[in-house]
């Protein structure tokens, strides 16, 4: 399987990577801030905002 991935043409890599990036970008833009708000206490966020 490793040999199959190393020998794939660049066009196939682009066809795999572009949709993955298109899907991952909005997920990261929504999920990461939500997780940060859930994990980081209000006091720490206030201190970081002041800085």
C-alpha atoms as a PDB file:
ATOM      1  CA  UNK A   1       0.000   0.000   0.000  1.00  0.00           C
ATOM      2  CA  UNK A   2       2.890   2.356   0.778  1.00  0.00           C
ATOM      3  CA  UNK A   3       4.327   1.793  -2.699  1.00  0.00           C
ATOM      4  CA  UNK A   4       0.940   2.614  -4.212  1.00  0.00           C
ATOM      5  CA  UNK A   5       0.828   6.005  -2.468  1.00  0.00           C
ATOM      6  CA  UNK A   6       4.431   6.871  -3.299  1.00  0.00           C
ATOM      7  CA  UNK A   7       3.893   6.131  -6.987  1.00  0.00           C
ATOM      8  CA  UNK A   8       0.628   8.042  -7.420  1.00  0.00           C
ATOM      9  CA  UNK A   9       0.681  10.793 -10.046  1.00  0.00           C
ATOM     10  CA  UNK A  10       0.507  14.416  -8.924  1.00  0.00           C
ATOM     11  CA  UNK A  11      -2.944  14.832 -10.471  1.00  0.00           C
ATOM     12  CA  UNK A  12      -4.365  12.146  -8.194  1.00  0.00           C
ATOM     13  CA  UNK A  13      -2.745  13.775  -5.134  1.00  0.00           C
ATOM     14  CA  UNK A  14      -4.373  17.091  -6.071  1.00  0.00           C
ATOM     15  CA  UNK A  15      -7.743  15.384  -6.517  1.00  0.00           C
ATOM     16  CA  UNK A  16      -7.397  13.922  -3.018  1.00  0.00           C
ATOM     17  CA  UNK A  17      -5.934  16.930  -1.207  1.00  0.00           C
ATOM     18  CA  UNK A  18      -8.118  19.749  -2.533  1.00  0.00           C
ATOM     19  CA  UNK A  19     -11.453  18.288  -1.326  1.00  0.00           C
ATOM     20  CA  UNK A  20      -9.854  17.386   2.009  1.00  0.00           C
ATOM     21  CA  UNK A  21      -8.712  20.996   2.489  1.00  0.00           C
ATOM     22  CA  UNK A  22     -12.102  22.345   1.400  1.00  0.00           C
ATOM     23  CA  UNK A  23     -13.821  20.144   3.986  1.00  0.00           C
ATOM     24  CA  UNK A  24     -11.258  20.653   6.763  1.00  0.00           C
ATOM     25  CA  UNK A  25     -11.047  24.456   6.596  1.00  0.00           C
ATOM     26  CA  UNK A  26     -14.603  25.269   7.755  1.00  0.00           C
ATOM     27  CA  UNK A  27     -14.509  22.467  10.312  1.00  0.00           C
ATOM     28  CA  UNK A  28     -11.318  23.884  11.822  1.00  0.00           C
ATOM     29  CA  UNK A  29     -12.702  27.436  11.726  1.00  0.00           C
ATOM     30  CA  UNK A  30     -15.781  26.335  13.718  1.00  0.00           C
ATOM     31  CA  UNK A  31     -14.546  23.498  15.939  1.00  0.00           C
ATOM     32  CA  UNK A  32     -11.240  24.946  17.186  1.00  0.00           C
ATOM     33  CA  UNK A  33     -12.742  28.168  18.600  1.00  0.00           C
ATOM     34  CA  UNK A  34     -15.600  26.176  20.182  1.00  0.00           C
ATOM     35  CA  UNK A  35     -13.140  23.825  21.856  1.00  0.00           C
ATOM     36  CA  UNK A  36     -11.004  26.724  23.060  1.00  0.00           C
ATOM     37  CA  UNK A  37     -14.055  28.442  24.548  1.00  0.00           C
ATOM     38  CA  UNK A  38     -15.062  25.227  26.265  1.00  0.00           C
ATOM     39  CA  UNK A  39     -11.609  24.436  27.655  1.00  0.00           C
ATOM     40  CA  UNK A  40     -10.058  27.787  28.503  1.00  0.00           C
ATOM     41  CA  UNK A  41     -11.579  29.435  31.602  1.00  0.00           C
ATOM     42  CA  UNK A  42     -13.024  32.929  31.398  1.00  0.00           C
ATOM     43  CA  UNK A  43     -10.237  34.435  33.528  1.00  0.00           C
ATOM     44  CA  UNK A  44      -7.500  33.185  31.217  1.00  0.00           C
ATOM     45  CA  UNK A  45      -9.358  34.493  28.184  1.00  0.00           C
ATOM     46  CA  UNK A  46      -9.694  37.907  29.860  1.00  0.00           C
ATOM     47  CA  UNK A  47      -5.977  38.018  30.669  1.00  0.00           C
ATOM     48  CA  UNK A  48      -5.063  37.013  27.126  1.00  0.00           C
ATOM     49  CA  UNK A  49      -7.441  39.624  25.737  1.00  0.00           C
ATOM     50  CA  UNK A  50      -5.775  42.345  27.828  1.00  0.00           C
ATOM     51  CA  UNK A  51      -2.360  41.339  26.570  1.00  0.00           C
END
